[in-house]
PDB file of N, CA and C in Angstrom:
ATOM      1  N   UNK A   1    -106.162  38.412 -49.349  1.00  0.00           N
ATOM      2  CA  UNK A   1    -105.466  38.384 -50.613  1.00  0.00           C
ATOM      3  C   UNK A   1    -105.652  39.721 -51.311  1.00  0.00           C
ATOM      4  N   UNK A   2    -104.639  40.163 -52.001  1.00  0.00           N
ATOM      5  CA  UNK A   2    -104.766  41.337 -52.843  1.00  0.00           C
ATOM      6  C   UNK A   2    -104.017  41.090 -54.132  1.00  0.00           C
ATOM      7  N   UNK A   3    -104.440  41.762 -55.174  1.00  0.00           N
ATOM      8  CA  UNK A   3    -103.834  41.549 -56.478  1.00  0.00           C
ATOM      9  C   UNK A   3    -103.668  42.880 -57.189  1.00  0.00           C
ATOM     10  N   UNK A   4    -102.625  42.962 -57.968  1.00  0.00           N
ATOM     11  CA  UNK A   4    -102.397  44.122 -58.822  1.00  0.00           C
ATOM     12  C   UNK A   4    -102.704  43.703 -60.251  1.00  0.00           C
ATOM     13  N   UNK A   5    -103.558  44.440 -60.898  1.00  0.00           N
ATOM     14  CA  UNK A   5    -103.909  44.138 -62.278  1.00  0.00           C
ATOM     15  C   UNK A   5    -102.913  44.851 -63.190  1.00  0.00           C
ATOM     16  N   UNK A   6    -102.142  44.076 -63.944  1.00  0.00           N
ATOM     17  CA  UNK A   6    -101.147  44.649 -64.861  1.00  0.00           C
ATOM     18  C   UNK A   6    -101.834  45.183 -66.125  1.00  0.00           C
ATOM     19  N   UNK A   7    -102.588  44.341 -66.773  1.00  0.00           N
ATOM     20  CA  UNK A   7    -103.337  44.732 -67.965  1.00  0.00           C
ATOM     21  C   UNK A   7    -104.575  43.841 -68.020  1.00  0.00           C
ATOM     22  N   UNK A   8    -105.642  44.368 -68.571  1.00  0.00           N
ATOM     23  CA  UNK A   8    -106.878  43.602 -68.650  1.00  0.00           C
ATOM     24  C   UNK A   8    -106.815  42.631 -69.811  1.00  0.00           C
ATOM     25  N   UNK A   9    -107.042  41.382 -69.493  1.00  0.00           N
ATOM     26  CA  UNK A   9    -107.159  40.329 -70.495  1.00  0.00           C
ATOM     27  C   UNK A   9    -108.436  39.566 -70.172  1.00  0.00           C
ATOM     28  N   UNK A  10    -108.849  38.698 -71.078  1.00  0.00           N
ATOM     29  CA  UNK A  10    -110.010  37.851 -70.776  1.00  0.00           C
ATOM     30  C   UNK A  10    -109.754  37.047 -69.512  1.00  0.00           C
ATOM     31  N   UNK A  11    -108.508  36.588 -69.347  1.00  0.00           N
ATOM     32  CA  UNK A  11    -108.171  35.767 -68.184  1.00  0.00           C
ATOM     33  C   UNK A  11    -108.230  36.574 -66.882  1.00  0.00           C
ATOM     34  N   UNK A  12    -107.745  37.823 -66.890  1.00  0.00           N
ATOM     35  CA  UNK A  12    -107.802  38.619 -65.656  1.00  0.00           C
ATOM     36  C   UNK A  12    -109.246  38.980 -65.314  1.00  0.00           C
ATOM     37  N   UNK A  13    -110.072  39.267 -66.312  1.00  0.00           N
ATOM     38  CA  UNK A  13    -111.492  39.510 -66.045  1.00  0.00           C
ATOM     39  C   UNK A  13    -112.154  38.257 -65.470  1.00  0.00           C
ATOM     40  N   UNK A  14    -111.818  37.112 -66.026  1.00  0.00           N
ATOM     41  CA  UNK A  14    -112.342  35.846 -65.517  1.00  0.00           C
ATOM     42  C   UNK A  14    -111.906  35.640 -64.070  1.00  0.00           C
ATOM     43  N   UNK A  15    -110.667  35.968 -63.755  1.00  0.00           N
ATOM     44  CA  UNK A  15    -110.168  35.826 -62.388  1.00  0.00           C
ATOM     45  C   UNK A  15    -110.924  36.694 -61.404  1.00  0.00           C
ATOM     46  N   UNK A  16    -111.216  37.938 -61.793  1.00  0.00           N
ATOM     47  CA  UNK A  16    -111.991  38.826 -60.921  1.00  0.00           C
ATOM     48  C   UNK A  16    -113.412  38.283 -60.772  1.00  0.00           C
ATOM     49  N   UNK A  17    -113.994  37.812 -61.864  1.00  0.00           N
ATOM     50  CA  UNK A  17    -115.343  37.243 -61.799  1.00  0.00           C
ATOM     51  C   UNK A  17    -115.369  36.030 -60.872  1.00  0.00           C
ATOM     52  N   UNK A  18    -114.404  35.123 -61.010  1.00  0.00           N
ATOM     53  CA  UNK A  18    -114.358  33.907 -60.177  1.00  0.00           C
ATOM     54  C   UNK A  18    -114.120  34.223 -58.706  1.00  0.00           C
ATOM     55  N   UNK A  19    -113.437  35.318 -58.441  1.00  0.00           N
ATOM     56  CA  UNK A  19    -113.109  35.640 -57.050  1.00  0.00           C
ATOM     57  C   UNK A  19    -114.348  35.919 -56.207  1.00  0.00           C
ATOM     58  N   UNK A  20    -115.490  36.144 -56.854  1.00  0.00           N
ATOM     59  CA  UNK A  20    -116.712  36.375 -56.076  1.00  0.00           C
ATOM     60  C   UNK A  20    -117.069  35.157 -55.240  1.00  0.00           C
ATOM     61  N   UNK A  21    -116.712  33.970 -55.724  1.00  0.00           N
ATOM     62  CA  UNK A  21    -117.062  32.757 -54.990  1.00  0.00           C
ATOM     63  C   UNK A  21    -116.219  32.593 -53.726  1.00  0.00           C
ATOM     64  N   UNK A  22    -114.931  32.866 -53.807  1.00  0.00           N
ATOM     65  CA  UNK A  22    -114.108  32.781 -52.594  1.00  0.00           C
ATOM     66  C   UNK A  22    -114.404  33.950 -51.668  1.00  0.00           C
ATOM     67  N   UNK A  23    -114.769  35.081 -52.237  1.00  0.00           N
ATOM     68  CA  UNK A  23    -115.158  36.224 -51.415  1.00  0.00           C
ATOM     69  C   UNK A  23    -116.438  35.906 -50.635  1.00  0.00           C
ATOM     70  N   UNK A  24    -117.393  35.271 -51.296  1.00  0.00           N
ATOM     71  CA  UNK A  24    -118.643  34.892 -50.637  1.00  0.00           C
ATOM     72  C   UNK A  24    -118.418  33.877 -49.522  1.00  0.00           C
ATOM     73  N   UNK A  25    -117.344  33.102 -49.632  1.00  0.00           N
ATOM     74  CA  UNK A  25    -117.068  32.106 -48.589  1.00  0.00           C
ATOM     75  C   UNK A  25    -116.194  32.669 -47.472  1.00  0.00           C
ATOM     76  N   UNK A  26    -115.887  33.977 -47.532  1.00  0.00           N
ATOM     77  CA  UNK A  26    -115.207  34.616 -46.414  1.00  0.00           C
ATOM     78  C   UNK A  26    -113.813  35.152 -46.669  1.00  0.00           C
ATOM     79  N   UNK A  27    -113.249  34.916 -47.841  1.00  0.00           N
ATOM     80  CA  UNK A  27    -111.906  35.440 -48.118  1.00  0.00           C
ATOM     81  C   UNK A  27    -111.993  36.932 -48.434  1.00  0.00           C
ATOM     82  N   UNK A  28    -111.121  37.725 -47.816  1.00  0.00           N
ATOM     83  CA  UNK A  28    -111.041  39.152 -48.115  1.00  0.00           C
ATOM     84  C   UNK A  28    -110.144  39.335 -49.332  1.00  0.00           C
ATOM     85  N   UNK A  29    -110.681  39.931 -50.383  1.00  0.00           N
ATOM     86  CA  UNK A  29    -109.940  40.121 -51.625  1.00  0.00           C
ATOM     87  C   UNK A  29    -109.963  41.600 -51.977  1.00  0.00           C
ATOM     88  N   UNK A  30    -108.799  42.126 -52.319  1.00  0.00           N
ATOM     89  CA  UNK A  30    -108.645  43.529 -52.684  1.00  0.00           C
ATOM     90  C   UNK A  30    -107.893  43.620 -54.002  1.00  0.00           C
ATOM     91  N   UNK A  31    -108.171  44.684 -54.761  1.00  0.00           N
ATOM     92  CA  UNK A  31    -107.480  44.918 -56.024  1.00  0.00           C
ATOM     93  C   UNK A  31    -106.977  46.354 -56.074  1.00  0.00           C
ATOM     94  N   UNK A  32    -105.892  46.507 -56.813  1.00  0.00           N
ATOM     95  CA  UNK A  32    -105.319  47.835 -57.038  1.00  0.00           C
ATOM     96  C   UNK A  32    -104.668  47.820 -58.418  1.00  0.00           C
ATOM     97  N   UNK A  33    -105.006  48.777 -59.288  1.00  0.00           N
ATOM     98  CA  UNK A  33    -104.366  48.818 -60.601  1.00  0.00           C
ATOM     99  C   UNK A  33    -102.850  49.007 -60.466  1.00  0.00           C
ATOM    100  N   UNK A  34    -102.099  48.329 -61.288  1.00  0.00           N
ATOM    101  CA  UNK A  34    -100.635  48.382 -61.240  1.00  0.00           C
ATOM    102  C   UNK A  34    -100.126  49.808 -61.418  1.00  0.00           C
ATOM    103  N   UNK A  35    -100.780  50.594 -62.263  1.00  0.00           N
ATOM    104  CA  UNK A  35    -100.289  51.959 -62.495  1.00  0.00           C
ATOM    105  C   UNK A  35    -100.474  52.875 -61.287  1.00  0.00           C
ATOM    106  N   UNK A  36    -101.159  52.401 -60.267  1.00  0.00           N
ATOM    107  CA  UNK A  36    -101.313  53.157 -59.024  1.00  0.00           C
ATOM    108  C   UNK A  36    -100.464  52.566 -57.902  1.00  0.00           C
ATOM    109  N   UNK A  37     -99.481  51.755 -58.258  1.00  0.00           N
ATOM    110  CA  UNK A  37     -98.713  51.031 -57.248  1.00  0.00           C
ATOM    111  C   UNK A  37     -97.213  51.266 -57.359  1.00  0.00           C
ATOM    112  N   UNK A  38     -96.810  52.478 -57.692  1.00  0.00           N
ATOM    113  CA  UNK A  38     -95.384  52.776 -57.849  1.00  0.00           C
ATOM    114  C   UNK A  38     -94.611  52.588 -56.550  1.00  0.00           C
ATOM    115  N   UNK A  39     -95.304  52.655 -55.415  1.00  0.00           N
ATOM    116  CA  UNK A  39     -94.646  52.517 -54.114  1.00  0.00           C
ATOM    117  C   UNK A  39     -94.436  51.061 -53.700  1.00  0.00           C
ATOM    118  N   UNK A  40     -94.855  50.125 -54.544  1.00  0.00           N
ATOM    119  CA  UNK A  40     -94.766  48.702 -54.201  1.00  0.00           C
ATOM    120  C   UNK A  40     -93.690  48.006 -55.022  1.00  0.00           C
ATOM    121  N   UNK A  41     -93.195  46.865 -54.531  1.00  0.00           N
ATOM    122  CA  UNK A  41     -92.166  46.140 -55.282  1.00  0.00           C
ATOM    123  C   UNK A  41     -92.736  45.599 -56.592  1.00  0.00           C
ATOM    124  N   UNK A  42     -91.867  45.356 -57.535  1.00  0.00           N
ATOM    125  CA  UNK A  42     -92.295  44.832 -58.832  1.00  0.00           C
ATOM    126  C   UNK A  42     -92.367  43.308 -58.857  1.00  0.00           C
ATOM    127  N   UNK A  43     -92.017  42.670 -57.756  1.00  0.00           N
ATOM    128  CA  UNK A  43     -92.090  41.207 -57.716  1.00  0.00           C
ATOM    129  C   UNK A  43     -93.321  40.756 -56.934  1.00  0.00           C
ATOM    130  N   UNK A  44     -93.786  39.557 -57.248  1.00  0.00           N
ATOM    131  CA  UNK A  44     -94.907  38.960 -56.529  1.00  0.00           C
ATOM    132  C   UNK A  44     -94.377  38.218 -55.316  1.00  0.00           C
ATOM    133  N   UNK A  45     -95.198  38.162 -54.266  1.00  0.00           N
ATOM    134  CA  UNK A  45     -94.770  37.438 -53.066  1.00  0.00           C
ATOM    135  C   UNK A  45     -95.968  37.011 -52.237  1.00  0.00           C
ATOM    136  N   UNK A  46     -95.714  36.028 -51.373  1.00  0.00           N
ATOM    137  CA  UNK A  46     -96.691  35.547 -50.394  1.00  0.00           C
ATOM    138  C   UNK A  46     -96.073  35.677 -49.014  1.00  0.00           C
ATOM    139  N   UNK A  47     -96.888  36.071 -48.036  1.00  0.00           N
ATOM    140  CA  UNK A  47     -96.446  36.142 -46.639  1.00  0.00           C
ATOM    141  C   UNK A  47     -97.096  35.016 -45.848  1.00  0.00           C
ATOM    142  N   UNK A  48     -96.293  34.349 -45.040  1.00  0.00           N
ATOM    143  CA  UNK A  48     -96.759  33.295 -44.141  1.00  0.00           C
ATOM    144  C   UNK A  48     -96.138  33.549 -42.777  1.00  0.00           C
ATOM    145  N   UNK A  49     -96.926  33.763 -41.759  1.00  0.00           N
ATOM    146  CA  UNK A  49     -96.460  33.951 -40.388  1.00  0.00           C
ATOM    147  C   UNK A  49     -95.058  34.558 -40.319  1.00  0.00           C
ATOM    148  N   UNK A  50     -94.024  33.732 -40.174  1.00  0.00           N
ATOM    149  CA  UNK A  50     -92.662  34.250 -40.011  1.00  0.00           C
ATOM    150  C   UNK A  50     -91.785  33.983 -41.239  1.00  0.00           C
ATOM    151  N   UNK A  51     -92.397  33.871 -42.402  1.00  0.00           N
ATOM    152  CA  UNK A  51     -91.654  33.635 -43.645  1.00  0.00           C
ATOM    153  C   UNK A  51     -92.316  34.423 -44.768  1.00  0.00           C
ATOM    154  N   UNK A  52     -91.549  34.634 -45.815  1.00  0.00           N
ATOM    155  CA  UNK A  52     -92.176  35.123 -47.035  1.00  0.00           C
ATOM    156  C   UNK A  52     -91.542  34.411 -48.211  1.00  0.00           C
ATOM    157  N   UNK A  53     -92.313  34.307 -49.284  1.00  0.00           N
ATOM    158  CA  UNK A  53     -91.859  33.626 -50.488  1.00  0.00           C
ATOM    159  C   UNK A  53     -91.914  34.627 -51.636  1.00  0.00           C
ATOM    160  N   UNK A  54     -90.762  34.869 -52.230  1.00  0.00           N
ATOM    161  CA  UNK A  54     -90.694  35.716 -53.418  1.00  0.00           C
ATOM    162  C   UNK A  54     -90.934  34.812 -54.621  1.00  0.00           C
ATOM    163  N   UNK A  55     -91.901  35.175 -55.451  1.00  0.00           N
ATOM    164  CA  UNK A  55     -92.281  34.364 -56.603  1.00  0.00           C
ATOM    165  C   UNK A  55     -91.570  34.871 -57.853  1.00  0.00           C
ATOM    166  N   UNK A  56     -91.092  33.943 -58.660  1.00  0.00           N
ATOM    167  CA  UNK A  56     -90.353  34.297 -59.874  1.00  0.00           C
ATOM    168  C   UNK A  56     -91.115  33.842 -61.116  1.00  0.00           C
ATOM    169  N   UNK A  57     -91.239  34.764 -62.084  1.00  0.00           N
ATOM    170  CA  UNK A  57     -91.905  34.499 -63.355  1.00  0.00           C
ATOM    171  C   UNK A  57     -91.018  35.010 -64.481  1.00  0.00           C
ATOM    172  N   UNK A  58     -91.159  34.426 -65.670  1.00  0.00           N
ATOM    173  CA  UNK A  58     -90.396  34.931 -66.811  1.00  0.00           C
ATOM    174  C   UNK A  58     -91.185  36.040 -67.509  1.00  0.00           C
ATOM    175  N   UNK A  59     -90.677  36.527 -68.625  1.00  0.00           N
ATOM    176  CA  UNK A  59     -91.303  37.642 -69.342  1.00  0.00           C
ATOM    177  C   UNK A  59     -92.702  37.315 -69.860  1.00  0.00           C
ATOM    178  N   UNK A  60     -92.999  36.035 -70.037  1.00  0.00           N
ATOM    179  CA  UNK A  60     -94.328  35.619 -70.488  1.00  0.00           C
ATOM    180  C   UNK A  60     -95.225  35.217 -69.315  1.00  0.00           C
ATOM    181  N   UNK A  61     -94.812  35.614 -68.105  1.00  0.00           N
ATOM    182  CA  UNK A  61     -95.561  35.332 -66.868  1.00  0.00           C
ATOM    183  C   UNK A  61     -95.655  33.847 -66.547  1.00  0.00           C
ATOM    184  N   UNK A  62     -94.680  33.071 -67.003  1.00  0.00           N
ATOM    185  CA  UNK A  62     -94.642  31.645 -66.659  1.00  0.00           C
ATOM    186  C   UNK A  62     -93.896  31.473 -65.345  1.00  0.00           C
ATOM    187  N   UNK A  63     -94.433  30.622 -64.496  1.00  0.00           N
ATOM    188  CA  UNK A  63     -93.881  30.333 -63.171  1.00  0.00           C
ATOM    189  C   UNK A  63     -92.486  29.729 -63.286  1.00  0.00           C
ATOM    190  N   UNK A  64     -91.520  30.300 -62.580  1.00  0.00           N
ATOM    191  CA  UNK A  64     -90.156  29.779 -62.564  1.00  0.00           C
ATOM    192  C   UNK A  64     -89.790  29.169 -61.216  1.00  0.00           C
ATOM    193  N   UNK A  65     -90.488  29.557 -60.162  1.00  0.00           N
ATOM    194  CA  UNK A  65     -90.195  29.022 -58.835  1.00  0.00           C
ATOM    195  C   UNK A  65     -90.332  30.082 -57.765  1.00  0.00           C
ATOM    196  N   UNK A  66     -90.081  29.661 -56.534  1.00  0.00           N
ATOM    197  CA  UNK A  66     -90.188  30.566 -55.403  1.00  0.00           C
ATOM    198  C   UNK A  66     -88.944  30.523 -54.540  1.00  0.00           C
ATOM    199  N   UNK A  67     -88.730  31.578 -53.805  1.00  0.00           N
ATOM    200  CA  UNK A  67     -87.563  31.717 -52.932  1.00  0.00           C
ATOM    201  C   UNK A  67     -88.066  32.032 -51.520  1.00  0.00           C
ATOM    202  N   UNK A  68     -87.890  31.086 -50.589  1.00  0.00           N
ATOM    203  CA  UNK A  68     -88.370  31.245 -49.214  1.00  0.00           C
ATOM    204  C   UNK A  68     -87.292  31.908 -48.367  1.00  0.00           C
ATOM    205  N   UNK A  69     -87.702  32.865 -47.538  1.00  0.00           N
ATOM    206  CA  UNK A  69     -86.763  33.487 -46.609  1.00  0.00           C
ATOM    207  C   UNK A  69     -87.428  33.672 -45.251  1.00  0.00           C
ATOM    208  N   UNK A  70     -86.615  33.649 -44.221  1.00  0.00           N
ATOM    209  CA  UNK A  70     -87.073  33.922 -42.863  1.00  0.00           C
ATOM    210  C   UNK A  70     -86.356  35.143 -42.296  1.00  0.00           C
ATOM    211  N   UNK A  71     -85.708  35.920 -43.162  1.00  0.00           N
ATOM    212  CA  UNK A  71     -84.980  37.112 -42.736  1.00  0.00           C
ATOM    213  C   UNK A  71     -85.961  38.142 -42.171  1.00  0.00           C
ATOM    214  N   UNK A  72     -85.808  38.531 -40.889  1.00  0.00           N
ATOM    215  CA  UNK A  72     -86.761  39.455 -40.257  1.00  0.00           C
ATOM    216  C   UNK A  72     -86.892  40.798 -40.983  1.00  0.00           C
ATOM    217  N   UNK A  73     -85.786  41.329 -41.495  1.00  0.00           N
ATOM    218  CA  UNK A  73     -85.839  42.605 -42.215  1.00  0.00           C
ATOM    219  C   UNK A  73     -86.701  42.483 -43.468  1.00  0.00           C
ATOM    220  N   UNK A  74     -86.490  41.424 -44.244  1.00  0.00           N
ATOM    221  CA  UNK A  74     -87.279  41.213 -45.461  1.00  0.00           C
ATOM    222  C   UNK A  74     -88.755  41.021 -45.141  1.00  0.00           C
ATOM    223  N   UNK A  75     -89.043  40.275 -44.087  1.00  0.00           N
ATOM    224  CA  UNK A  75     -90.435  40.031 -43.700  1.00  0.00           C
ATOM    225  C   UNK A  75     -91.101  41.338 -43.278  1.00  0.00           C
ATOM    226  N   UNK A  76     -90.408  42.133 -42.477  1.00  0.00           N
ATOM    227  CA  UNK A  76     -90.950  43.420 -42.034  1.00  0.00           C
ATOM    228  C   UNK A  76     -91.225  44.338 -43.227  1.00  0.00           C
ATOM    229  N   UNK A  77     -90.284  44.413 -44.165  1.00  0.00           N
ATOM    230  CA  UNK A  77     -90.460  45.262 -45.346  1.00  0.00           C
ATOM    231  C   UNK A  77     -91.663  44.809 -46.172  1.00  0.00           C
ATOM    232  N   UNK A  78     -91.791  43.505 -46.378  1.00  0.00           N
ATOM    233  CA  UNK A  78     -92.907  43.001 -47.176  1.00  0.00           C
ATOM    234  C   UNK A  78     -94.243  43.152 -46.452  1.00  0.00           C
ATOM    235  N   UNK A  79     -94.247  43.090 -45.127  1.00  0.00           N
ATOM    236  CA  UNK A  79     -95.468  43.382 -44.366  1.00  0.00           C
ATOM    237  C   UNK A  79     -95.866  44.847 -44.547  1.00  0.00           C
ATOM    238  N   UNK A  80     -94.886  45.735 -44.543  1.00  0.00           N
ATOM    239  CA  UNK A  80     -95.161  47.157 -44.771  1.00  0.00           C
ATOM    240  C   UNK A  80     -95.796  47.360 -46.148  1.00  0.00           C
ATOM    241  N   UNK A  81     -95.207  46.735 -47.176  1.00  0.00           N
ATOM    242  CA  UNK A  81     -95.759  46.864 -48.523  1.00  0.00           C
ATOM    243  C   UNK A  81     -97.177  46.311 -48.594  1.00  0.00           C
ATOM    244  N   UNK A  82     -97.429  45.194 -47.923  1.00  0.00           N
ATOM    245  CA  UNK A  82     -98.780  44.626 -47.894  1.00  0.00           C
ATOM    246  C   UNK A  82     -99.762  45.618 -47.272  1.00  0.00           C
ATOM    247  N   UNK A  83     -99.384  46.185 -46.127  1.00  0.00           N
ATOM    248  CA  UNK A  83    -100.265  47.127 -45.440  1.00  0.00           C
ATOM    249  C   UNK A  83    -100.540  48.365 -46.299  1.00  0.00           C
ATOM    250  N   UNK A  84     -99.522  48.861 -46.970  1.00  0.00           N
ATOM    251  CA  UNK A  84     -99.690  50.009 -47.858  1.00  0.00           C
ATOM    252  C   UNK A  84    -100.620  49.661 -49.019  1.00  0.00           C
ATOM    253  N   UNK A  85    -100.427  48.496 -49.601  1.00  0.00           N
ATOM    254  CA  UNK A  85    -101.271  48.064 -50.717  1.00  0.00           C
ATOM    255  C   UNK A  85    -102.730  47.953 -50.289  1.00  0.00           C
ATOM    256  N   UNK A  86    -102.971  47.354 -49.141  1.00  0.00           N
ATOM    257  CA  UNK A  86    -104.346  47.192 -48.661  1.00  0.00           C
ATOM    258  C   UNK A  86    -104.998  48.537 -48.353  1.00  0.00           C
ATOM    259  N   UNK A  87    -104.216  49.462 -47.833  1.00  0.00           N
ATOM    260  CA  UNK A  87    -104.749  50.784 -47.502  1.00  0.00           C
ATOM    261  C   UNK A  87    -105.290  51.502 -48.742  1.00  0.00           C
ATOM    262  N   UNK A  88    -104.637  51.307 -49.872  1.00  0.00           N
ATOM    263  CA  UNK A  88    -105.005  52.010 -51.100  1.00  0.00           C
ATOM    264  C   UNK A  88    -105.811  51.159 -52.076  1.00  0.00           C
ATOM    265  N   UNK A  89    -106.134  49.940 -51.712  1.00  0.00           N
ATOM    266  CA  UNK A  89    -106.828  49.026 -52.618  1.00  0.00           C
ATOM    267  C   UNK A  89    -108.343  49.098 -52.438  1.00  0.00           C
ATOM    268  N   UNK A  90    -109.046  48.555 -53.424  1.00  0.00           N
ATOM    269  CA  UNK A  90    -110.510  48.483 -53.374  1.00  0.00           C
ATOM    270  C   UNK A  90    -110.926  47.050 -53.053  1.00  0.00           C
ATOM    271  N   UNK A  91    -111.968  46.928 -52.228  1.00  0.00           N
ATOM    272  CA  UNK A  91    -112.513  45.598 -51.944  1.00  0.00           C
ATOM    273  C   UNK A  91    -113.015  44.982 -53.246  1.00  0.00           C
ATOM    274  N   UNK A  92    -113.029  43.673 -53.304  1.00  0.00           N
ATOM    275  CA  UNK A  92    -113.397  42.938 -54.508  1.00  0.00           C
ATOM    276  C   UNK A  92    -114.728  43.414 -55.096  1.00  0.00           C
ATOM    277  N   UNK A  93    -115.749  43.556 -54.273  1.00  0.00           N
ATOM    278  CA  UNK A  93    -117.075  43.927 -54.757  1.00  0.00           C
ATOM    279  C   UNK A  93    -117.062  45.315 -55.402  1.00  0.00           C
ATOM    280  N   UNK A  94    -116.386  46.247 -54.766  1.00  0.00           N
ATOM    281  CA  UNK A  94    -116.283  47.609 -55.292  1.00  0.00           C
ATOM    282  C   UNK A  94    -115.515  47.624 -56.610  1.00  0.00           C
ATOM    283  N   UNK A  95    -114.376  46.931 -56.638  1.00  0.00           N
ATOM    284  CA  UNK A  95    -113.539  46.894 -57.828  1.00  0.00           C
ATOM    285  C   UNK A  95    -114.280  46.245 -58.999  1.00  0.00           C
ATOM    286  N   UNK A  96    -114.945  45.121 -58.749  1.00  0.00           N
ATOM    287  CA  UNK A  96    -115.676  44.419 -59.809  1.00  0.00           C
ATOM    288  C   UNK A  96    -116.795  45.294 -60.370  1.00  0.00           C
ATOM    289  N   UNK A  97    -117.490  46.016 -59.496  1.00  0.00           N
ATOM    290  CA  UNK A  97    -118.561  46.903 -59.961  1.00  0.00           C
ATOM    291  C   UNK A  97    -117.997  48.037 -60.821  1.00  0.00           C
ATOM    292  N   UNK A  98    -116.873  48.621 -60.390  1.00  0.00           N
ATOM    293  CA  UNK A  98    -116.244  49.703 -61.164  1.00  0.00           C
ATOM    294  C   UNK A  98    -115.802  49.224 -62.537  1.00  0.00           C
ATOM    295  N   UNK A  99    -115.352  47.965 -62.614  1.00  0.00           N
ATOM    296  CA  UNK A  99    -114.829  47.411 -63.861  1.00  0.00           C
ATOM    297  C   UNK A  99    -115.894  46.679 -64.676  1.00  0.00           C
ATOM    298  N   UNK A 100    -117.122  46.660 -64.177  1.00  0.00           N
ATOM    299  CA  UNK A 100    -118.237  45.952 -64.835  1.00  0.00           C
ATOM    300  C   UNK A 100    -117.921  44.484 -65.068  1.00  0.00           C
ATOM    301  N   UNK A 101    -117.380  43.842 -64.040  1.00  0.00           N
ATOM    302  CA  UNK A 101    -117.045  42.410 -64.126  1.00  0.00           C
ATOM    303  C   UNK A 101    -118.064  41.627 -63.337  1.00  0.00           C
TER     304      UNK A 101
END
């Protein structure tokens, strides 16, 4: 899992703090500040084997729904973005220490 931090709020700090528990149980978690992610899409998404889901939120970050696709071109592009994001991201432990979380 990787996440882009848009702005620091009490809730985002809490999320980084809580992620230590899933990280300790084996989940790889990476973070990258949004202002360092100009090369990435502005939408949120999840990748699953041969599908991806584009997530939709309104201006107040409220969940509106998801859009599933199996289009190979879209999946390949989103895999590329994932790989680029991970290459430039910090592991959870490093990021939390830098942010004093």
